C-alpha atoms as a PDB file:
ATOM      1  CA  MET A   1      59.989  84.535  94.877  1.00  0.00           C
ATOM      2  CA  ASN A   2      57.313  83.920  97.448  1.00  0.00           C
ATOM      3  CA  LEU A   3      54.334  81.616  97.064  1.00  0.00           C
ATOM      4  CA  SER A   4      51.970  84.246  95.687  1.00  0.00           C
ATOM      5  CA  ASP A   5      54.527  85.322  93.055  1.00  0.00           C
ATOM      6  CA  TRP A   6      54.535  81.791  91.647  1.00  0.00           C
ATOM      7  CA  ASN A   7      50.767  81.937  91.072  1.00  0.00           C
ATOM      8  CA  THR A   8      51.361  84.235  88.116  1.00  0.00           C
ATOM      9  CA  GLN A   9      54.342  82.417  86.603  1.00  0.00           C
ATOM     10  CA  PRO A  10      53.967  80.003  83.683  1.00  0.00           C
ATOM     11  CA  GLN A  11      53.533  76.388  84.764  1.00  0.00           C
ATOM     12  CA  ASP A  12      56.628  75.229  82.848  1.00  0.00           C
ATOM     13  CA  GLN A  13      58.742  77.821  84.661  1.00  0.00           C
ATOM     14  CA  LEU A  14      57.372  76.627  88.003  1.00  0.00           C
ATOM     15  CA  ILE A  15      58.123  72.985  87.174  1.00  0.00           C
ATOM     16  CA  ASP A  16      61.652  73.901  86.036  1.00  0.00           C
ATOM     17  CA  HIS A  17      62.133  75.761  89.313  1.00  0.00           C
ATOM     18  CA  LEU A  18      60.898  72.785  91.355  1.00  0.00           C
ATOM     19  CA  LEU A  19      63.279  70.449  89.540  1.00  0.00           C
ATOM     20  CA  ALA A  20      66.341  72.683  89.790  1.00  0.00           C
ATOM     21  CA  ARG A  21      65.780  74.271  93.193  1.00  0.00           C
ATOM     22  CA  TYR A  22      64.292  71.370  95.130  1.00  0.00           C
ATOM     23  CA  HIS A  23      64.618  67.992  93.410  1.00  0.00           C
ATOM     24  CA  ALA A  24      68.289  68.480  92.527  1.00  0.00           C
ATOM     25  CA  ARG A  25      69.011  70.114  95.881  1.00  0.00           C
ATOM     26  CA  HIS A  26      67.441  67.326  97.952  1.00  0.00           C
ATOM     27  CA  ARG A  27      69.523  64.815  96.000  1.00  0.00           C
ATOM     28  CA  GLU A  28      72.635  66.752  97.040  1.00  0.00           C
ATOM     29  CA  GLN A  29      71.581  67.382 100.632  1.00  0.00           C
ATOM     30  CA  LEU A  30      70.585  63.920 101.777  1.00  0.00           C
ATOM     31  CA  PRO A  31      73.842  61.997 101.161  1.00  0.00           C
ATOM     32  CA  GLU A  32      75.736  64.768 102.967  1.00  0.00           C
ATOM     33  CA  LEU A  33      73.264  64.725 105.870  1.00  0.00           C
ATOM     34  CA  ILE A  34      73.438  60.939 106.152  1.00  0.00           C
ATOM     35  CA  GLY A  35      77.239  61.118 106.312  1.00  0.00           C
ATOM     36  CA  LEU A  36      77.202  63.797 109.002  1.00  0.00           C
ATOM     37  CA  ALA A  37      74.538  61.968 111.028  1.00  0.00           C
ATOM     38  CA  SER A  38      76.499  58.715 110.816  1.00  0.00           C
ATOM     39  CA  ARG A  39      79.642  60.456 112.086  1.00  0.00           C
ATOM     40  CA  VAL A  40      77.809  62.118 114.967  1.00  0.00           C
ATOM     41  CA  GLU A  41      76.160  58.838 115.976  1.00  0.00           C
ATOM     42  CA  GLN A  42      79.434  56.927 115.704  1.00  0.00           C
ATOM     43  CA  VAL A  43      81.432  59.418 117.778  1.00  0.00           C
ATOM     44  CA  HIS A  44      78.766  60.573 120.240  1.00  0.00           C
ATOM     45  CA  GLY A  45      76.378  57.613 120.392  1.00  0.00           C
ATOM     46  CA  HIS A  46      76.918  57.338 124.145  1.00  0.00           C
ATOM     47  CA  HIS A  47      75.849  60.971 124.727  1.00  0.00           C
ATOM     48  CA  LEU A  48      72.340  61.282 126.153  1.00  0.00           C
ATOM     49  CA  GLN A  49      71.322  63.870 123.542  1.00  0.00           C
ATOM     50  CA  CYS A  50      72.852  62.075 120.569  1.00  0.00           C
ATOM     51  CA  PRO A  51      70.243  61.664 117.826  1.00  0.00           C
ATOM     52  CA  ASN A  52      70.729  57.901 117.595  1.00  0.00           C
ATOM     53  CA  GLY A  53      68.754  56.555 114.650  1.00  0.00           C
ATOM     54  CA  LEU A  54      68.959  59.814 112.700  1.00  0.00           C
ATOM     55  CA  ALA A  55      71.107  58.375 109.897  1.00  0.00           C
ATOM     56  CA  ASP A  56      68.571  55.562 109.429  1.00  0.00           C
ATOM     57  CA  LEU A  57      65.686  58.044 109.422  1.00  0.00           C
ATOM     58  CA  LEU A  58      67.495  60.142 106.814  1.00  0.00           C
ATOM     59  CA  ARG A  59      68.100  57.042 104.677  1.00  0.00           C
ATOM     60  CA  ASP A  60      64.366  56.300 104.846  1.00  0.00           C
ATOM     61  CA  ILE A  61      63.551  59.906 103.931  1.00  0.00           C
ATOM     62  CA  GLN A  62      66.027  59.737 101.052  1.00  0.00           C
ATOM     63  CA  GLN A  63      64.464  56.562  99.667  1.00  0.00           C
ATOM     64  CA  GLU A  64      60.885  57.815 100.029  1.00  0.00           C
ATOM     65  CA  LEU A  65      61.715  61.229  98.616  1.00  0.00           C
ATOM     66  CA  GLU A  66      63.620  59.776  95.665  1.00  0.00           C
ATOM     67  CA  ASN A  67      60.691  57.497  94.769  1.00  0.00           C
ATOM     68  CA  HIS A  68      58.297  60.431  95.150  1.00  0.00           C
ATOM     69  CA  MET A  69      60.354  62.791  92.990  1.00  0.00           C
ATOM     70  CA  LEU A  70      60.753  60.162  90.268  1.00  0.00           C
ATOM     71  CA  LYS A  71      56.953  59.755  90.107  1.00  0.00           C
ATOM     72  CA  GLU A  72      56.611  63.499  89.726  1.00  0.00           C
ATOM     73  CA  GLU A  73      59.354  63.718  87.097  1.00  0.00           C
ATOM     74  CA  GLN A  74      58.257  60.705  85.061  1.00  0.00           C
ATOM     75  CA  VAL A  75      54.458  60.836  85.403  1.00  0.00           C
ATOM     76  CA  LEU A  76      52.886  63.906  86.976  1.00  0.00           C
ATOM     77  CA  PHE A  77      54.969  66.778  85.616  1.00  0.00           C
ATOM     78  CA  PRO A  78      54.789  65.492  82.011  1.00  0.00           C
ATOM     79  CA  MET A  79      50.996  65.152  82.378  1.00  0.00           C
ATOM     80  CA  LEU A  80      50.746  68.741  83.577  1.00  0.00           C
ATOM     81  CA  GLN A  81      53.034  70.000  80.827  1.00  0.00           C
ATOM     82  CA  MET A  82      50.803  68.286  78.253  1.00  0.00           C
ATOM     83  CA  GLY A  83      47.763  70.107  79.627  1.00  0.00           C
ATOM     84  CA  MET A  84      46.308  67.027  81.311  1.00  0.00           C
ATOM     85  CA  GLY A  85      45.665  68.658  84.693  1.00  0.00           C
ATOM     86  CA  ALA A  86      42.082  67.372  84.844  1.00  0.00           C
ATOM     87  CA  GLN A  87      43.302  63.790  84.360  1.00  0.00           C
ATOM     88  CA  ALA A  88      46.003  64.263  86.989  1.00  0.00           C
ATOM     89  CA  SER A  89      43.681  64.363  89.996  1.00  0.00           C
ATOM     90  CA  MET A  90      44.537  60.829  91.150  1.00  0.00           C
ATOM     91  CA  PRO A  91      48.330  61.253  90.842  1.00  0.00           C
ATOM     92  CA  ILE A  92      48.008  64.610  92.616  1.00  0.00           C
ATOM     93  CA  GLN A  93      46.030  62.960  95.408  1.00  0.00           C
ATOM     94  CA  VAL A  94      48.814  60.378  95.790  1.00  0.00           C
ATOM     95  CA  MET A  95      51.498  63.097  95.795  1.00  0.00           C
ATOM     96  CA  ARG A  96      49.632  65.093  98.448  1.00  0.00           C
ATOM     97  CA  HIS A  97      49.342  61.978 100.620  1.00  0.00           C
ATOM     98  CA  GLU A  98      53.081  61.394 100.244  1.00  0.00           C
ATOM     99  CA  HIS A  99      53.695  65.050 101.112  1.00  0.00           C
ATOM    100  CA  ASP A 100      51.813  64.436 104.364  1.00  0.00           C
ATOM    101  CA  GLN A 101      54.099  61.462 105.022  1.00  0.00           C
ATOM    102  CA  HIS A 102      57.167  63.638 104.344  1.00  0.00           C
ATOM    103  CA  GLY A 103      55.802  66.118 106.878  1.00  0.00           C
ATOM    104  CA  GLU A 104      55.497  63.317 109.433  1.00  0.00           C
ATOM    105  CA  ALA A 105      59.100  62.277 108.743  1.00  0.00           C
ATOM    106  CA  LEU A 106      60.225  65.876 109.262  1.00  0.00           C
ATOM    107  CA  GLU A 107      58.396  65.905 112.588  1.00  0.00           C
ATOM    108  CA  GLN A 108      60.272  62.705 113.574  1.00  0.00           C
ATOM    109  CA  LEU A 109      63.500  64.453 112.602  1.00  0.00           C
ATOM    110  CA  LEU A 110      62.641  67.430 114.823  1.00  0.00           C
ATOM    111  CA  ASN A 111      61.750  65.151 117.738  1.00  0.00           C
ATOM    112  CA  LEU A 112      64.959  63.138 117.390  1.00  0.00           C
ATOM    113  CA  THR A 113      67.119  66.282 117.326  1.00  0.00           C
ATOM    114  CA  ASP A 114      65.448  68.283 120.096  1.00  0.00           C
ATOM    115  CA  ARG A 115      64.004  70.568 117.388  1.00  0.00           C
ATOM    116  CA  LEU A 116      67.434  70.927 115.788  1.00  0.00           C
ATOM    117  CA  SER A 117      69.045  72.228 118.977  1.00  0.00           C
ATOM    118  CA  PRO A 118      72.523  70.796 119.513  1.00  0.00           C
ATOM    119  CA  PRO A 119      73.542  70.329 123.133  1.00  0.00           C
ATOM    120  CA  ALA A 120      75.865  72.787 124.832  1.00  0.00           C
ATOM    121  CA  GLY A 121      79.428  71.988 123.889  1.00  0.00           C
ATOM    122  CA  ALA A 122      78.464  70.044 120.751  1.00  0.00           C
ATOM    123  CA  CYS A 123      81.333  69.522 118.332  1.00  0.00           C
ATOM    124  CA  GLY A 124      81.553  71.284 114.980  1.00  0.00           C
ATOM    125  CA  THR A 125      80.254  68.256 113.095  1.00  0.00           C
ATOM    126  CA  TRP A 126      77.171  68.038 115.315  1.00  0.00           C
ATOM    127  CA  ARG A 127      76.464  71.770 114.944  1.00  0.00           C
ATOM    128  CA  SER A 128      77.038  71.555 111.191  1.00  0.00           C
ATOM    129  CA  LEU A 129      74.659  68.597 110.964  1.00  0.00           C
ATOM    130  CA  TYR A 130      71.873  70.504 112.703  1.00  0.00           C
ATOM    131  CA  SER A 131      72.484  73.620 110.626  1.00  0.00           C
ATOM    132  CA  HIS A 132      72.272  71.605 107.396  1.00  0.00           C
ATOM    133  CA  LEU A 133      69.218  69.732 108.714  1.00  0.00           C
ATOM    134  CA  ALA A 134      67.492  73.079 109.332  1.00  0.00           C
ATOM    135  CA  THR A 135      68.158  74.083 105.729  1.00  0.00           C
ATOM    136  CA  PHE A 136      66.873  70.733 104.442  1.00  0.00           C
ATOM    137  CA  HIS A 137      63.787  70.966 106.665  1.00  0.00           C
ATOM    138  CA  ASP A 138      62.957  74.460 105.420  1.00  0.00           C
ATOM    139  CA  ASP A 139      63.662  73.524 101.787  1.00  0.00           C
ATOM    140  CA  LEU A 140      61.415  70.469 101.915  1.00  0.00           C
ATOM    141  CA  ARG A 141      58.599  72.396 103.634  1.00  0.00           C
ATOM    142  CA  GLU A 142      58.779  75.132 100.983  1.00  0.00           C
ATOM    143  CA  HIS A 143      58.947  72.518  98.201  1.00  0.00           C
ATOM    144  CA  ILE A 144      55.797  70.818  99.497  1.00  0.00           C
ATOM    145  CA  ARG A 145      53.966  74.147  99.930  1.00  0.00           C
ATOM    146  CA  LEU A 146      54.827  75.244  96.399  1.00  0.00           C
ATOM    147  CA  GLU A 147      53.561  72.006  94.890  1.00  0.00           C
ATOM    148  CA  ASN A 148      50.422  71.690  97.022  1.00  0.00           C
ATOM    149  CA  GLN A 149      49.322  75.315  97.088  1.00  0.00           C
ATOM    150  CA  VAL A 150      50.413  76.485  93.648  1.00  0.00           C
ATOM    151  CA  LEU A 151      51.183  73.732  91.132  1.00  0.00           C
ATOM    152  CA  PHE A 152      48.556  71.199  92.192  1.00  0.00           C
ATOM    153  CA  ALA A 153      45.912  73.813  92.997  1.00  0.00           C
ATOM    154  CA  ARG A 154      46.393  75.352  89.557  1.00  0.00           C
ATOM    155  CA  ALA A 155      46.258  71.963  87.817  1.00  0.00           C
ATOM    156  CA  LEU A 156      43.013  70.990  89.543  1.00  0.00           C
ATOM    157  CA  ASN A 157      41.373  74.395  89.094  1.00  0.00           C
ATOM    158  CA  PRO A 158      42.778  75.967  85.917  1.00  0.00           C
ATOM    159  CA  ALA A 159      40.098  78.685  85.790  1.00  0.00           C
ATOM    160  CA  ALA A 160      41.188  80.177  89.123  1.00  0.00           C
END
């Protein structure tokens, strides 16, 4: 479904989708990405184009994203499901600010990896890392868009 299709779906269905498609998926993706990044840095750390520091950046993203998702799961989503959208403006403001920070972290990731372009002759692990990073990047961007532009917009303006 694209963004506009979600505008007409029930809120509970949207929240269930966010939890299953994005929250669970990010929790699977990040440990795998950290492992791949660690291997690439360990084996190719001397290479000029090696994304040294990527594993640490991914660990930071994992920690920030986990804290963020827990706040949504334990506070914001239950508020929305109880029809408390009007009272959720402050938590939504915090979540949107954190989404901006996630966007900045994704930009760091792109800068560190030459926009996810492995060097010529990169090994299979390096290419696999960048391929999986591209999927994670796109997933997180879509996740943020869906929350900001559909779920949060609907909660703050239920008449629309």
